[in-house]
Amino acid sequence: MKQIKGTINAGVCGFVTEAIGSSDDGQHVTLAITSDCDKVQRLAALVPELDAYSEIGAGFEGELLRLVREQMRGCCSGCAVPAGLFKAMQVTAGLALPRPVSIEFERLPS
């Protein structure tokens, strides 16, 4: 069984989400999600085993991101957790390399 662990630091809210992805066949992925955020906890309880190939093919219309839209309603639209969970699924299935993903901001002089 292949397993990965991803840690998502969402940003100014201070919430941390951890996703442990598991796959026996490199296609079907189970995500064990833990988070300090109530909305992500509700999402975590509903995420089924995911067919990574179908999810990638469906783009923003796949099961995972559909659940994100339903369960994280009212959450910040810039939340990094949905992208982090999608990336965890890809890496678990061997469809992406386990490399850090980062968004950094800095103030520029006026």
N, C-alpha and C. Protein backbone atom coordinates (compact mmCIF):
# COMPACT_ATOMS: atom_id res chain seq x y z
N MET A 1 0.83 -1.18 0.00
CA MET A 1 0.00 0.00 0.00
C MET A 1 0.88 1.25 0.00
N LYS A 2 0.59 2.15 -0.90
CA LYS A 2 1.32 3.42 -0.96
C LYS A 2 0.61 4.43 -0.07
N GLN A 3 1.39 5.16 0.72
CA GLN A 3 0.84 6.21 1.57
C GLN A 3 1.67 7.48 1.47
N ILE A 4 0.99 8.60 1.57
CA ILE A 4 1.66 9.91 1.63
C ILE A 4 1.01 10.72 2.74
N LYS A 5 1.72 11.72 3.20
CA LYS A 5 1.16 12.65 4.18
C LYS A 5 1.41 14.07 3.68
N GLY A 6 0.35 14.85 3.64
CA GLY A 6 0.45 16.25 3.26
C GLY A 6 -0.02 17.13 4.40
N THR A 7 0.70 18.18 4.68
CA THR A 7 0.30 19.15 5.70
C THR A 7 0.01 20.47 5.02
N ILE A 8 -1.19 20.99 5.25
CA ILE A 8 -1.65 22.21 4.59
C ILE A 8 -1.81 23.30 5.65
N ASN A 9 -1.00 24.33 5.56
CA ASN A 9 -1.12 25.50 6.43
C ASN A 9 -1.95 26.52 5.68
N ALA A 10 -3.21 26.67 6.08
CA ALA A 10 -4.17 27.44 5.29
C ALA A 10 -3.88 28.93 5.22
N GLY A 11 -3.20 29.48 6.19
CA GLY A 11 -2.87 30.90 6.10
C GLY A 11 -3.26 31.67 7.34
N VAL A 12 -3.82 32.85 7.13
CA VAL A 12 -4.08 33.78 8.23
C VAL A 12 -5.07 33.22 9.25
N CYS A 13 -5.94 32.30 8.86
CA CYS A 13 -6.88 31.70 9.81
C CYS A 13 -6.14 30.87 10.86
N GLY A 14 -4.94 30.40 10.51
CA GLY A 14 -4.13 29.62 11.44
C GLY A 14 -4.47 28.14 11.48
N PHE A 15 -5.46 27.70 10.72
CA PHE A 15 -5.84 26.29 10.73
C PHE A 15 -4.84 25.45 9.95
N VAL A 16 -4.58 24.27 10.49
CA VAL A 16 -3.68 23.32 9.84
C VAL A 16 -4.50 22.08 9.51
N THR A 17 -4.35 21.59 8.29
CA THR A 17 -5.03 20.37 7.86
C THR A 17 -3.98 19.35 7.46
N GLU A 18 -4.20 18.11 7.87
CA GLU A 18 -3.31 17.02 7.50
C GLU A 18 -4.11 16.02 6.68
N ALA A 19 -3.55 15.59 5.57
CA ALA A 19 -4.18 14.58 4.72
C ALA A 19 -3.22 13.41 4.55
N ILE A 20 -3.67 12.24 4.94
CA ILE A 20 -2.89 11.02 4.71
C ILE A 20 -3.61 10.25 3.62
N GLY A 21 -2.95 10.13 2.48
CA GLY A 21 -3.51 9.43 1.34
C GLY A 21 -3.00 8.00 1.28
N SER A 22 -3.90 7.08 0.94
CA SER A 22 -3.55 5.66 0.82
C SER A 22 -4.12 5.11 -0.48
N SER A 23 -3.36 4.23 -1.13
CA SER A 23 -3.84 3.58 -2.34
C SER A 23 -3.17 2.22 -2.50
N ASP A 24 -3.99 1.22 -2.79
CA ASP A 24 -3.47 -0.13 -3.05
C ASP A 24 -3.13 -0.34 -4.52
N ASP A 25 -3.80 0.43 -5.40
CA ASP A 25 -3.66 0.15 -6.83
C ASP A 25 -3.18 1.34 -7.66
N GLY A 26 -2.88 2.47 -7.03
CA GLY A 26 -2.42 3.63 -7.78
C GLY A 26 -3.53 4.35 -8.52
N GLN A 27 -4.77 4.02 -8.23
CA GLN A 27 -5.90 4.69 -8.86
C GLN A 27 -6.94 5.11 -7.83
N HIS A 28 -7.31 4.20 -6.95
CA HIS A 28 -8.33 4.47 -5.94
C HIS A 28 -7.64 4.95 -4.67
N VAL A 29 -8.03 6.14 -4.23
CA VAL A 29 -7.33 6.82 -3.13
C VAL A 29 -8.29 7.09 -1.98
N THR A 30 -7.84 6.79 -0.79
CA THR A 30 -8.56 7.15 0.43
C THR A 30 -7.76 8.25 1.12
N LEU A 31 -8.45 9.32 1.51
CA LEU A 31 -7.82 10.42 2.23
C LEU A 31 -8.33 10.44 3.67
N ALA A 32 -7.42 10.31 4.61
CA ALA A 32 -7.75 10.49 6.03
C ALA A 32 -7.38 11.93 6.36
N ILE A 33 -8.40 12.75 6.62
CA ILE A 33 -8.21 14.19 6.76
C ILE A 33 -8.48 14.61 8.20
N THR A 34 -7.53 15.33 8.79
CA THR A 34 -7.74 15.92 10.12
C THR A 34 -7.46 17.41 10.01
N SER A 35 -8.21 18.20 10.78
CA SER A 35 -8.06 19.65 10.70
C SER A 35 -8.57 20.32 11.96
N ASP A 36 -8.05 21.51 12.22
CA ASP A 36 -8.55 22.36 13.29
C ASP A 36 -9.83 23.09 12.85
N CYS A 37 -10.08 23.14 11.55
CA CYS A 37 -11.20 23.89 10.99
C CYS A 37 -12.48 23.05 10.99
N ASP A 38 -13.57 23.60 11.54
CA ASP A 38 -14.85 22.89 11.59
C ASP A 38 -15.36 22.53 10.20
N LYS A 39 -15.22 23.43 9.25
CA LYS A 39 -15.72 23.18 7.90
C LYS A 39 -14.95 22.04 7.23
N VAL A 40 -13.66 22.01 7.42
CA VAL A 40 -12.85 20.93 6.84
C VAL A 40 -13.17 19.61 7.55
N GLN A 41 -13.45 19.65 8.84
CA GLN A 41 -13.84 18.43 9.56
C GLN A 41 -15.13 17.86 8.99
N ARG A 42 -16.11 18.72 8.69
CA ARG A 42 -17.36 18.25 8.09
C ARG A 42 -17.09 17.63 6.72
N LEU A 43 -16.23 18.29 5.94
CA LEU A 43 -15.85 17.76 4.63
C LEU A 43 -15.19 16.39 4.78
N ALA A 44 -14.26 16.28 5.72
CA ALA A 44 -13.49 15.04 5.91
C ALA A 44 -14.39 13.84 6.16
N ALA A 45 -15.49 14.07 6.87
CA ALA A 45 -16.41 12.97 7.20
C ALA A 45 -17.14 12.44 5.97
N LEU A 46 -17.15 13.20 4.89
CA LEU A 46 -17.94 12.82 3.70
C LEU A 46 -17.12 12.39 2.50
N VAL A 47 -15.82 12.61 2.51
CA VAL A 47 -15.00 12.29 1.33
C VAL A 47 -14.92 10.77 1.17
N PRO A 48 -15.43 10.25 0.05
CA PRO A 48 -15.38 8.80 -0.19
C PRO A 48 -14.01 8.38 -0.75
N GLU A 49 -13.87 7.09 -1.00
CA GLU A 49 -12.70 6.66 -1.77
C GLU A 49 -12.81 7.34 -3.14
N LEU A 50 -11.71 7.88 -3.61
CA LEU A 50 -11.71 8.64 -4.85
C LEU A 50 -11.01 7.88 -5.97
N ASP A 51 -11.59 7.90 -7.15
CA ASP A 51 -10.93 7.38 -8.34
C ASP A 51 -10.11 8.54 -8.91
N ALA A 52 -8.82 8.51 -8.68
CA ALA A 52 -7.96 9.65 -9.04
C ALA A 52 -8.03 9.97 -10.52
N TYR A 53 -8.12 8.96 -11.38
CA TYR A 53 -8.19 9.21 -12.81
C TYR A 53 -9.47 9.96 -13.17
N SER A 54 -10.59 9.54 -12.59
CA SER A 54 -11.86 10.21 -12.84
C SER A 54 -11.85 11.64 -12.30
N GLU A 55 -11.27 11.81 -11.12
CA GLU A 55 -11.21 13.15 -10.51
C GLU A 55 -10.40 14.11 -11.38
N ILE A 56 -9.28 13.66 -11.87
CA ILE A 56 -8.45 14.52 -12.72
C ILE A 56 -9.17 14.82 -14.03
N GLY A 57 -9.80 13.81 -14.60
CA GLY A 57 -10.54 13.99 -15.85
C GLY A 57 -11.71 14.94 -15.71
N ALA A 58 -12.33 14.95 -14.53
CA ALA A 58 -13.50 15.80 -14.30
C ALA A 58 -13.12 17.24 -13.96
N GLY A 59 -11.85 17.47 -13.67
CA GLY A 59 -11.41 18.83 -13.33
C GLY A 59 -12.14 19.37 -12.11
N PHE A 60 -12.69 20.56 -12.23
CA PHE A 60 -13.38 21.19 -11.10
C PHE A 60 -14.75 20.58 -10.84
N GLU A 61 -15.19 19.65 -11.66
CA GLU A 61 -16.51 19.04 -11.51
C GLU A 61 -16.45 17.65 -10.87
N GLY A 62 -15.30 17.23 -10.38
CA GLY A 62 -15.17 15.92 -9.76
C GLY A 62 -15.81 15.86 -8.38
N GLU A 63 -15.87 14.66 -7.83
CA GLU A 63 -16.52 14.42 -6.55
C GLU A 63 -15.87 15.21 -5.41
N LEU A 64 -14.55 15.21 -5.33
CA LEU A 64 -13.87 15.90 -4.24
C LEU A 64 -14.20 17.39 -4.24
N LEU A 65 -14.04 18.04 -5.37
CA LEU A 65 -14.28 19.49 -5.41
C LEU A 65 -15.76 19.83 -5.34
N ARG A 66 -16.64 18.91 -5.74
CA ARG A 66 -18.08 19.11 -5.55
C ARG A 66 -18.38 19.14 -4.05
N LEU A 67 -17.80 18.19 -3.31
CA LEU A 67 -18.00 18.16 -1.86
C LEU A 67 -17.41 19.41 -1.19
N VAL A 68 -16.27 19.86 -1.68
CA VAL A 68 -15.68 21.10 -1.15
C VAL A 68 -16.67 22.25 -1.31
N ARG A 69 -17.26 22.39 -2.49
CA ARG A 69 -18.21 23.49 -2.73
C ARG A 69 -19.41 23.40 -1.79
N GLU A 70 -19.89 22.19 -1.53
CA GLU A 70 -21.05 22.00 -0.66
C GLU A 70 -20.71 22.22 0.81
N GLN A 71 -19.65 21.62 1.28
CA GLN A 71 -19.34 21.58 2.71
C GLN A 71 -18.56 22.78 3.21
N MET A 72 -17.84 23.45 2.35
CA MET A 72 -17.02 24.58 2.79
C MET A 72 -17.66 25.91 2.41
N ARG A 73 -18.96 25.88 2.18
CA ARG A 73 -19.72 27.09 1.87
C ARG A 73 -19.52 28.10 3.00
N GLY A 74 -19.22 29.33 2.66
CA GLY A 74 -18.98 30.35 3.66
C GLY A 74 -17.53 30.45 4.09
N CYS A 75 -16.72 29.53 3.62
CA CYS A 75 -15.29 29.56 3.91
C CYS A 75 -14.62 30.57 2.96
N CYS A 76 -13.44 30.99 3.30
CA CYS A 76 -12.69 31.91 2.44
C CYS A 76 -12.47 31.27 1.06
N SER A 77 -12.79 31.98 0.00
CA SER A 77 -12.61 31.45 -1.35
C SER A 77 -11.15 31.18 -1.68
N GLY A 78 -10.24 31.84 -0.97
CA GLY A 78 -8.82 31.65 -1.19
C GLY A 78 -8.21 30.54 -0.35
N CYS A 79 -9.04 29.75 0.32
CA CYS A 79 -8.54 28.67 1.18
C CYS A 79 -7.68 27.70 0.37
N ALA A 80 -6.52 27.37 0.91
CA ALA A 80 -5.58 26.48 0.22
C ALA A 80 -5.90 25.00 0.42
N VAL A 81 -6.83 24.68 1.33
CA VAL A 81 -7.11 23.28 1.64
C VAL A 81 -7.64 22.50 0.44
N PRO A 82 -8.63 22.99 -0.32
CA PRO A 82 -9.11 22.20 -1.46
C PRO A 82 -8.00 21.81 -2.44
N ALA A 83 -7.14 22.75 -2.79
CA ALA A 83 -6.04 22.44 -3.71
C ALA A 83 -5.07 21.46 -3.07
N GLY A 84 -4.83 21.60 -1.78
CA GLY A 84 -3.94 20.68 -1.07
C GLY A 84 -4.48 19.26 -1.04
N LEU A 85 -5.79 19.11 -0.83
CA LEU A 85 -6.40 17.78 -0.82
C LEU A 85 -6.34 17.15 -2.21
N PHE A 86 -6.62 17.96 -3.23
CA PHE A 86 -6.55 17.45 -4.61
C PHE A 86 -5.13 17.00 -4.93
N LYS A 87 -4.16 17.80 -4.53
CA LYS A 87 -2.75 17.46 -4.78
C LYS A 87 -2.37 16.19 -4.01
N ALA A 88 -2.85 16.04 -2.78
CA ALA A 88 -2.57 14.83 -2.00
C ALA A 88 -3.11 13.59 -2.71
N MET A 89 -4.30 13.71 -3.30
CA MET A 89 -4.87 12.60 -4.06
C MET A 89 -3.99 12.27 -5.26
N GLN A 90 -3.55 13.29 -5.99
CA GLN A 90 -2.70 13.07 -7.16
C GLN A 90 -1.39 12.38 -6.78
N VAL A 91 -0.74 12.87 -5.74
CA VAL A 91 0.55 12.31 -5.33
C VAL A 91 0.37 10.87 -4.85
N THR A 92 -0.69 10.60 -4.11
CA THR A 92 -0.94 9.25 -3.62
C THR A 92 -1.09 8.27 -4.78
N ALA A 93 -1.77 8.71 -5.84
CA ALA A 93 -1.99 7.85 -7.00
C ALA A 93 -0.77 7.79 -7.92
N GLY A 94 0.27 8.54 -7.62
CA GLY A 94 1.45 8.55 -8.48
C GLY A 94 1.28 9.41 -9.72
N LEU A 95 0.29 10.31 -9.69
CA LEU A 95 0.00 11.16 -10.85
C LEU A 95 0.62 12.55 -10.72
N ALA A 96 1.30 12.78 -9.62
CA ALA A 96 2.06 14.02 -9.41
C ALA A 96 3.22 13.67 -8.49
N LEU A 97 4.27 14.44 -8.59
CA LEU A 97 5.44 14.21 -7.74
C LEU A 97 5.23 14.85 -6.37
N PRO A 98 5.76 14.23 -5.33
CA PRO A 98 5.61 14.78 -3.98
C PRO A 98 6.56 15.96 -3.75
N ARG A 99 6.23 17.07 -4.35
CA ARG A 99 7.04 18.27 -4.22
C ARG A 99 6.25 19.35 -3.49
N PRO A 100 6.93 20.22 -2.76
CA PRO A 100 6.22 21.30 -2.06
C PRO A 100 5.51 22.22 -3.04
N VAL A 101 4.35 22.70 -2.61
CA VAL A 101 3.59 23.71 -3.34
C VAL A 101 3.53 24.92 -2.43
N SER A 102 3.73 26.10 -2.98
CA SER A 102 3.85 27.27 -2.11
C SER A 102 3.23 28.50 -2.76
N ILE A 103 2.63 29.34 -1.93
CA ILE A 103 2.19 30.67 -2.34
C ILE A 103 2.75 31.62 -1.29
N GLU A 104 3.53 32.56 -1.71
CA GLU A 104 4.13 33.50 -0.76
C GLU A 104 3.83 34.92 -1.19
N PHE A 105 3.60 35.78 -0.21
CA PHE A 105 3.30 37.18 -0.48
C PHE A 105 4.25 38.07 0.31
N GLU A 106 4.54 39.21 -0.26
CA GLU A 106 5.33 40.20 0.46
C GLU A 106 4.86 41.59 0.04
N ARG A 107 4.92 42.50 0.95
CA ARG A 107 4.55 43.88 0.63
C ARG A 107 5.69 44.53 -0.14
N LEU A 108 5.32 45.27 -1.17
CA LEU A 108 6.31 46.01 -1.95
C LEU A 108 6.31 47.46 -1.49
N PRO A 109 7.44 48.12 -1.59
CA PRO A 109 7.49 49.53 -1.20
C PRO A 109 6.56 50.36 -2.08
N SER A 110 5.95 51.34 -1.48
CA SER A 110 5.01 52.21 -2.23
C SER A 110 5.76 53.15 -3.14
